[in-house]
Amino acid sequence: NIYEMNISFETKLVAFYLIIKFIFIAILISVFDLIFLQSYFNYSDLSDNLDFNIRSHNGLFSAVLSVFSIDDISKPIAIFVAFLLNSLKDLIILFIATSVTSKRVAVIFCIFLAMHPYLAIYHAKLTTDIFAGLAVACLLFKIFRKFVSPWTELAIVFLLSGLRNSTIPMLGVFSAIHVIRQFLAGNVKNSIIDFMCGRS
């Protein structure tokens, strides 16, 4: 069972990840412009999502920026939200890995996630890529464990697709494959119910 874990070990692993990630990101931000000759917070697509442009490709993301008055992703609120959501994505994946590996492997994987250079480049940047990563993490978690309810799943799918529209094909294909598998298995009624309720 994915929840059969030592809570003490899990708590320590989360704290270990957050401490390493925070230190690594702080160092990276401070030296980024010296290494790459540009700001860590350079995000060329930001202008397309400003001014509450609900008709943009990522309408909900534009709405979030407007609600929190974010017009510069180097603002503390933007950094905090980005760090929080990216850490959540990493911790979901770490949680899954911990449930199917040994503690030693989990610690190694934790260090890998915390210090991966490419992940670090985007970890504190509030971009739409965050929500694509969250969508993948949620699908992986769903494979191992159902969410609380199908309506919760549907809400998550809706939010992520609005925040990052490129997740729509992926989420759609994932759900369609499940419905087809149910249908081929003879569970016609269940496949229809699953589709209508957002189950996959």
C-alpha atoms as a PDB file:
ATOM      1  CA  ASN A   1       0.000   0.000   0.000  1.00  0.00           C
ATOM      2  CA  ILE A   2       1.354   3.399  -0.994  1.00  0.00           C
ATOM      3  CA  TYR A   3       0.445   4.839   2.430  1.00  0.00           C
ATOM      4  CA  GLU A   4       2.280   2.160   4.429  1.00  0.00           C
ATOM      5  CA  MET A   5       5.336   4.300   5.211  1.00  0.00           C
ATOM      6  CA  ASN A   6       7.256   5.322   8.259  1.00  0.00           C
ATOM      7  CA  ILE A   7       5.885   8.811   8.947  1.00  0.00           C
ATOM      8  CA  SER A   8       9.039   9.814  10.787  1.00  0.00           C
ATOM      9  CA  PHE A   9      11.177   8.881   7.784  1.00  0.00           C
ATOM     10  CA  GLU A  10       8.767  10.635   5.425  1.00  0.00           C
ATOM     11  CA  THR A  11       8.862  13.834   7.486  1.00  0.00           C
ATOM     12  CA  LYS A  12      12.652  13.810   7.649  1.00  0.00           C
ATOM     13  CA  LEU A  13      12.874  13.237   3.904  1.00  0.00           C
ATOM     14  CA  VAL A  14      10.571  16.179   3.153  1.00  0.00           C
ATOM     15  CA  ALA A  15      12.565  18.466   5.476  1.00  0.00           C
ATOM     16  CA  PHE A  16      15.827  17.209   3.943  1.00  0.00           C
ATOM     17  CA  TYR A  17      14.537  17.937   0.443  1.00  0.00           C
ATOM     18  CA  LEU A  18      13.273  21.429   1.288  1.00  0.00           C
ATOM     19  CA  ILE A  19      16.485  22.481   3.037  1.00  0.00           C
ATOM     20  CA  ILE A  20      18.743  21.289   0.208  1.00  0.00           C
ATOM     21  CA  LYS A  21      16.461  22.717  -2.473  1.00  0.00           C
ATOM     22  CA  PHE A  22      16.217  26.116  -0.779  1.00  0.00           C
ATOM     23  CA  ILE A  23      19.996  26.425  -0.364  1.00  0.00           C
ATOM     24  CA  PHE A  24      20.660  25.200  -3.908  1.00  0.00           C
ATOM     25  CA  ILE A  25      18.118  27.619  -5.437  1.00  0.00           C
ATOM     26  CA  ALA A  26      19.442  30.567  -3.395  1.00  0.00           C
ATOM     27  CA  ILE A  27      22.978  29.903  -4.628  1.00  0.00           C
ATOM     28  CA  LEU A  28      21.825  29.430  -8.212  1.00  0.00           C
ATOM     29  CA  ILE A  29      19.884  32.704  -8.272  1.00  0.00           C
ATOM     30  CA  SER A  30      22.866  34.616  -6.878  1.00  0.00           C
ATOM     31  CA  VAL A  31      25.289  33.347  -9.544  1.00  0.00           C
ATOM     32  CA  PHE A  32      22.913  32.817 -12.482  1.00  0.00           C
ATOM     33  CA  ASP A  33      23.495  36.182 -14.163  1.00  0.00           C
ATOM     34  CA  LEU A  34      27.269  35.735 -13.889  1.00  0.00           C
ATOM     35  CA  ILE A  35      27.155  32.327 -15.566  1.00  0.00           C
ATOM     36  CA  PHE A  36      24.414  32.819 -18.171  1.00  0.00           C
ATOM     37  CA  LEU A  37      24.615  36.621 -18.586  1.00  0.00           C
ATOM     38  CA  GLN A  38      20.901  37.055 -17.941  1.00  0.00           C
ATOM     39  CA  SER A  39      18.551  37.203 -14.998  1.00  0.00           C
ATOM     40  CA  TYR A  40      17.324  33.965 -13.433  1.00  0.00           C
ATOM     41  CA  PHE A  41      13.812  35.399 -13.733  1.00  0.00           C
ATOM     42  CA  ASN A  42      13.880  36.046 -17.454  1.00  0.00           C
ATOM     43  CA  TYR A  43      10.548  34.822 -18.877  1.00  0.00           C
ATOM     44  CA  SER A  44       9.794  36.032 -22.398  1.00  0.00           C
ATOM     45  CA  ASP A  45       6.208  34.693 -22.443  1.00  0.00           C
ATOM     46  CA  LEU A  46       5.118  36.631 -19.373  1.00  0.00           C
ATOM     47  CA  SER A  47       3.763  39.573 -21.364  1.00  0.00           C
ATOM     48  CA  ASP A  48       1.308  37.263 -23.175  1.00  0.00           C
ATOM     49  CA  ASN A  49      -0.366  36.412 -19.869  1.00  0.00           C
ATOM     50  CA  LEU A  50      -0.597  39.853 -18.260  1.00  0.00           C
ATOM     51  CA  ASP A  51      -3.608  42.211 -17.922  1.00  0.00           C
ATOM     52  CA  PHE A  52      -6.114  39.448 -17.124  1.00  0.00           C
ATOM     53  CA  ASN A  53      -6.117  38.128 -20.672  1.00  0.00           C
ATOM     54  CA  ILE A  54      -8.608  35.272 -20.206  1.00  0.00           C
ATOM     55  CA  ARG A  55      -8.474  34.660 -23.959  1.00  0.00           C
ATOM     56  CA  SER A  56      -4.774  33.872 -23.845  1.00  0.00           C
ATOM     57  CA  HIS A  57      -3.611  30.306 -24.368  1.00  0.00           C
ATOM     58  CA  ASN A  58      -3.448  29.892 -20.576  1.00  0.00           C
ATOM     59  CA  GLY A  59      -6.423  31.940 -19.400  1.00  0.00           C
ATOM     60  CA  LEU A  60      -6.485  30.795 -15.781  1.00  0.00           C
ATOM     61  CA  PHE A  61      -2.777  31.518 -15.417  1.00  0.00           C
ATOM     62  CA  SER A  62      -3.414  35.041 -16.675  1.00  0.00           C
ATOM     63  CA  ALA A  63      -6.225  35.367 -14.118  1.00  0.00           C
ATOM     64  CA  VAL A  64      -3.964  34.222 -11.274  1.00  0.00           C
ATOM     65  CA  LEU A  65      -1.320  36.782 -12.227  1.00  0.00           C
ATOM     66  CA  SER A  66      -3.975  39.490 -12.256  1.00  0.00           C
ATOM     67  CA  VAL A  67      -5.507  38.501  -8.887  1.00  0.00           C
ATOM     68  CA  PHE A  68      -2.122  38.585  -7.161  1.00  0.00           C
ATOM     69  CA  SER A  69      -0.986  41.685  -9.113  1.00  0.00           C
ATOM     70  CA  ILE A  70       2.044  39.851 -10.471  1.00  0.00           C
ATOM     71  CA  ASP A  71       3.660  41.648 -13.392  1.00  0.00           C
ATOM     72  CA  ASP A  72       7.194  40.526 -12.569  1.00  0.00           C
ATOM     73  CA  ILE A  73       8.069  36.955 -11.584  1.00  0.00           C
ATOM     74  CA  SER A  74      10.978  38.211  -9.484  1.00  0.00           C
ATOM     75  CA  LYS A  75       8.474  39.524  -6.920  1.00  0.00           C
ATOM     76  CA  PRO A  76       8.515  37.663  -3.568  1.00  0.00           C
ATOM     77  CA  ILE A  77       4.921  36.405  -3.975  1.00  0.00           C
ATOM     78  CA  ALA A  78       5.731  34.975  -7.412  1.00  0.00           C
ATOM     79  CA  ILE A  79       8.899  33.286  -6.142  1.00  0.00           C
ATOM     80  CA  PHE A  80       7.026  31.842  -3.164  1.00  0.00           C
ATOM     81  CA  VAL A  81       4.179  30.424  -5.284  1.00  0.00           C
ATOM     82  CA  ALA A  82       6.601  28.955  -7.829  1.00  0.00           C
ATOM     83  CA  PHE A  83       8.771  27.373  -5.134  1.00  0.00           C
ATOM     84  CA  LEU A  84       5.705  25.990  -3.353  1.00  0.00           C
ATOM     85  CA  LEU A  85       4.088  24.436  -6.435  1.00  0.00           C
ATOM     86  CA  ASN A  86       7.322  23.021  -7.857  1.00  0.00           C
ATOM     87  CA  SER A  87       8.191  21.557  -4.473  1.00  0.00           C
ATOM     88  CA  LEU A  88       4.723  19.997  -4.290  1.00  0.00           C
ATOM     89  CA  LYS A  89       5.285  18.371  -7.674  1.00  0.00           C
ATOM     90  CA  ASP A  90       8.670  17.009  -6.603  1.00  0.00           C
ATOM     91  CA  LEU A  91       7.284  15.743  -3.295  1.00  0.00           C
ATOM     92  CA  ILE A  92       4.439  13.894  -5.025  1.00  0.00           C
ATOM     93  CA  ILE A  93       6.994  12.091  -7.191  1.00  0.00           C
ATOM     94  CA  LEU A  94       9.251  11.515  -4.180  1.00  0.00           C
ATOM     95  CA  PHE A  95       6.293  10.135  -2.229  1.00  0.00           C
ATOM     96  CA  ILE A  96       5.586   7.619  -5.001  1.00  0.00           C
ATOM     97  CA  ALA A  97       9.247   6.631  -5.283  1.00  0.00           C
ATOM     98  CA  THR A  98       9.539   6.148  -1.525  1.00  0.00           C
ATOM     99  CA  SER A  99       6.591   3.756  -1.525  1.00  0.00           C
ATOM    100  CA  VAL A 100       8.228   1.414  -4.050  1.00  0.00           C
ATOM    101  CA  THR A 101      11.931   1.648  -3.147  1.00  0.00           C
ATOM    102  CA  SER A 102      14.186   1.238  -0.149  1.00  0.00           C
ATOM    103  CA  LYS A 103      14.971   4.125   2.190  1.00  0.00           C
ATOM    104  CA  ARG A 104      18.521   4.337   0.840  1.00  0.00           C
ATOM    105  CA  VAL A 105      17.298   4.690  -2.737  1.00  0.00           C
ATOM    106  CA  ALA A 106      14.672   7.215  -1.614  1.00  0.00           C
ATOM    107  CA  VAL A 107      17.355   9.408  -0.020  1.00  0.00           C
ATOM    108  CA  ILE A 108      19.484   9.263  -3.175  1.00  0.00           C
ATOM    109  CA  PHE A 109      16.457  10.135  -5.301  1.00  0.00           C
ATOM    110  CA  CYS A 110      15.612  12.973  -2.898  1.00  0.00           C
ATOM    111  CA  ILE A 111      19.085  14.473  -3.340  1.00  0.00           C
ATOM    112  CA  PHE A 112      18.763  14.066  -7.106  1.00  0.00           C
ATOM    113  CA  LEU A 113      15.460  15.971  -7.136  1.00  0.00           C
ATOM    114  CA  ALA A 114      16.774  18.682  -4.825  1.00  0.00           C
ATOM    115  CA  MET A 115      19.993  19.327  -6.745  1.00  0.00           C
ATOM    116  CA  HIS A 116      19.059  18.580 -10.337  1.00  0.00           C
ATOM    117  CA  PRO A 117      20.420  21.621 -12.247  1.00  0.00           C
ATOM    118  CA  TYR A 118      17.761  21.765 -14.968  1.00  0.00           C
ATOM    119  CA  LEU A 119      14.902  21.487 -12.479  1.00  0.00           C
ATOM    120  CA  ALA A 120      16.554  24.156 -10.339  1.00  0.00           C
ATOM    121  CA  ILE A 121      16.636  26.637 -13.232  1.00  0.00           C
ATOM    122  CA  TYR A 122      12.826  26.711 -13.243  1.00  0.00           C
ATOM    123  CA  HIS A 123      12.018  25.907  -9.627  1.00  0.00           C
ATOM    124  CA  ALA A 124      11.561  29.504  -8.425  1.00  0.00           C
ATOM    125  CA  LYS A 125      10.159  30.855 -11.709  1.00  0.00           C
ATOM    126  CA  LEU A 126       6.393  31.269 -11.936  1.00  0.00           C
ATOM    127  CA  THR A 127       5.790  29.953 -15.440  1.00  0.00           C
ATOM    128  CA  THR A 128       3.096  27.792 -17.011  1.00  0.00           C
ATOM    129  CA  ASP A 129       5.564  24.886 -17.145  1.00  0.00           C
ATOM    130  CA  ILE A 130       4.879  24.360 -13.438  1.00  0.00           C
ATOM    131  CA  PHE A 131       1.351  23.178 -14.176  1.00  0.00           C
ATOM    132  CA  ALA A 132       2.444  20.759 -16.880  1.00  0.00           C
ATOM    133  CA  GLY A 133       4.789  19.187 -14.333  1.00  0.00           C
ATOM    134  CA  LEU A 134       2.005  19.052 -11.751  1.00  0.00           C
ATOM    135  CA  ALA A 135      -0.277  17.338 -14.261  1.00  0.00           C
ATOM    136  CA  VAL A 136       2.313  14.615 -14.870  1.00  0.00           C
ATOM    137  CA  ALA A 137       2.847  14.185 -11.111  1.00  0.00           C
ATOM    138  CA  CYS A 138      -0.907  13.897 -10.537  1.00  0.00           C
ATOM    139  CA  LEU A 139      -1.263  11.280 -13.274  1.00  0.00           C
ATOM    140  CA  LEU A 140       1.581   9.273 -11.775  1.00  0.00           C
ATOM    141  CA  PHE A 141      -0.027   9.504  -8.344  1.00  0.00           C
ATOM    142  CA  LYS A 142      -3.365   8.461  -9.813  1.00  0.00           C
ATOM    143  CA  ILE A 143      -1.813   5.301 -11.236  1.00  0.00           C
ATOM    144  CA  PHE A 144      -0.783   4.294  -7.724  1.00  0.00           C
ATOM    145  CA  ARG A 145      -3.723   5.669  -5.751  1.00  0.00           C
ATOM    146  CA  LYS A 146      -7.164   7.094  -6.498  1.00  0.00           C
ATOM    147  CA  PHE A 147      -7.866  10.634  -5.435  1.00  0.00           C
ATOM    148  CA  VAL A 148     -10.504  11.421  -2.813  1.00  0.00           C
ATOM    149  CA  SER A 149     -13.365  11.567  -5.304  1.00  0.00           C
ATOM    150  CA  PRO A 150     -13.936  11.685  -9.075  1.00  0.00           C
ATOM    151  CA  TRP A 151     -15.148  15.284  -8.723  1.00  0.00           C
ATOM    152  CA  THR A 152     -11.858  16.247  -7.087  1.00  0.00           C
ATOM    153  CA  GLU A 153     -10.050  14.638  -9.997  1.00  0.00           C
ATOM    154  CA  LEU A 154     -12.216  16.514 -12.482  1.00  0.00           C
ATOM    155  CA  ALA A 155     -11.559  19.833 -10.712  1.00  0.00           C
ATOM    156  CA  ILE A 156      -7.794  19.221 -10.773  1.00  0.00           C
ATOM    157  CA  VAL A 157      -7.904  18.345 -14.479  1.00  0.00           C
ATOM    158  CA  PHE A 158      -9.920  21.503 -15.233  1.00  0.00           C
ATOM    159  CA  LEU A 159      -7.613  23.777 -13.252  1.00  0.00           C
ATOM    160  CA  LEU A 160      -4.398  22.367 -14.688  1.00  0.00           C
ATOM    161  CA  SER A 161      -5.701  22.513 -18.256  1.00  0.00           C
ATOM    162  CA  GLY A 162      -6.691  26.152 -17.761  1.00  0.00           C
ATOM    163  CA  LEU A 163      -3.343  27.052 -16.256  1.00  0.00           C
ATOM    164  CA  ARG A 164      -1.385  25.217 -18.945  1.00  0.00           C
ATOM    165  CA  ASN A 165      -3.407  24.349 -22.037  1.00  0.00           C
ATOM    166  CA  SER A 166      -0.829  21.889 -23.381  1.00  0.00           C
ATOM    167  CA  THR A 167      -1.888  19.464 -20.632  1.00  0.00           C
ATOM    168  CA  ILE A 168      -5.313  18.989 -22.267  1.00  0.00           C
ATOM    169  CA  PRO A 169      -4.195  16.394 -24.879  1.00  0.00           C
ATOM    170  CA  MET A 170      -2.200  14.449 -22.283  1.00  0.00           C
ATOM    171  CA  LEU A 171      -5.026  14.364 -19.741  1.00  0.00           C
ATOM    172  CA  GLY A 172      -7.539  13.569 -22.468  1.00  0.00           C
ATOM    173  CA  VAL A 173      -5.518  10.663 -23.856  1.00  0.00           C
ATOM    174  CA  PHE A 174      -4.930   9.295 -20.347  1.00  0.00           C
ATOM    175  CA  SER A 175      -8.682   9.276 -19.614  1.00  0.00           C
ATOM    176  CA  ALA A 176      -9.580   7.922 -23.058  1.00  0.00           C
ATOM    177  CA  ILE A 177      -7.188   4.966 -22.693  1.00  0.00           C
ATOM    178  CA  HIS A 178      -8.818   4.025 -19.388  1.00  0.00           C
ATOM    179  CA  VAL A 179     -12.333   4.247 -20.874  1.00  0.00           C
ATOM    180  CA  ILE A 180     -11.300   2.091 -23.863  1.00  0.00           C
ATOM    181  CA  ARG A 181      -9.708  -0.500 -21.553  1.00  0.00           C
ATOM    182  CA  GLN A 182     -12.908  -0.657 -19.498  1.00  0.00           C
ATOM    183  CA  PHE A 183     -14.954  -1.008 -22.676  1.00  0.00           C
ATOM    184  CA  LEU A 184     -12.782  -3.821 -24.067  1.00  0.00           C
ATOM    185  CA  ALA A 185     -13.017  -5.584 -20.716  1.00  0.00           C
ATOM    186  CA  GLY A 186     -16.798  -5.595 -21.076  1.00  0.00           C
ATOM    187  CA  ASN A 187     -17.437  -2.894 -18.479  1.00  0.00           C
ATOM    188  CA  VAL A 188     -19.436  -0.672 -20.821  1.00  0.00           C
ATOM    189  CA  LYS A 189     -21.477   0.894 -18.012  1.00  0.00           C
ATOM    190  CA  ASN A 190     -18.402   1.567 -15.897  1.00  0.00           C
ATOM    191  CA  SER A 191     -16.523   3.103 -18.816  1.00  0.00           C
ATOM    192  CA  ILE A 192     -19.363   5.571 -19.447  1.00  0.00           C
ATOM    193  CA  ILE A 193     -19.670   6.447 -15.756  1.00  0.00           C
ATOM    194  CA  ASP A 194     -15.891   6.880 -15.498  1.00  0.00           C
ATOM    195  CA  PHE A 195     -15.884   9.212 -18.477  1.00  0.00           C
ATOM    196  CA  MET A 196     -18.810  11.312 -17.217  1.00  0.00           C
ATOM    197  CA  CYS A 197     -17.348  11.578 -13.693  1.00  0.00           C
ATOM    198  CA  GLY A 198     -13.802  12.307 -14.788  1.00  0.00           C
ATOM    199  CA  ARG A 199     -12.441   9.001 -13.554  1.00  0.00           C
ATOM    200  CA  SER A 200      -9.474   7.415 -15.329  1.00  0.00           C
END
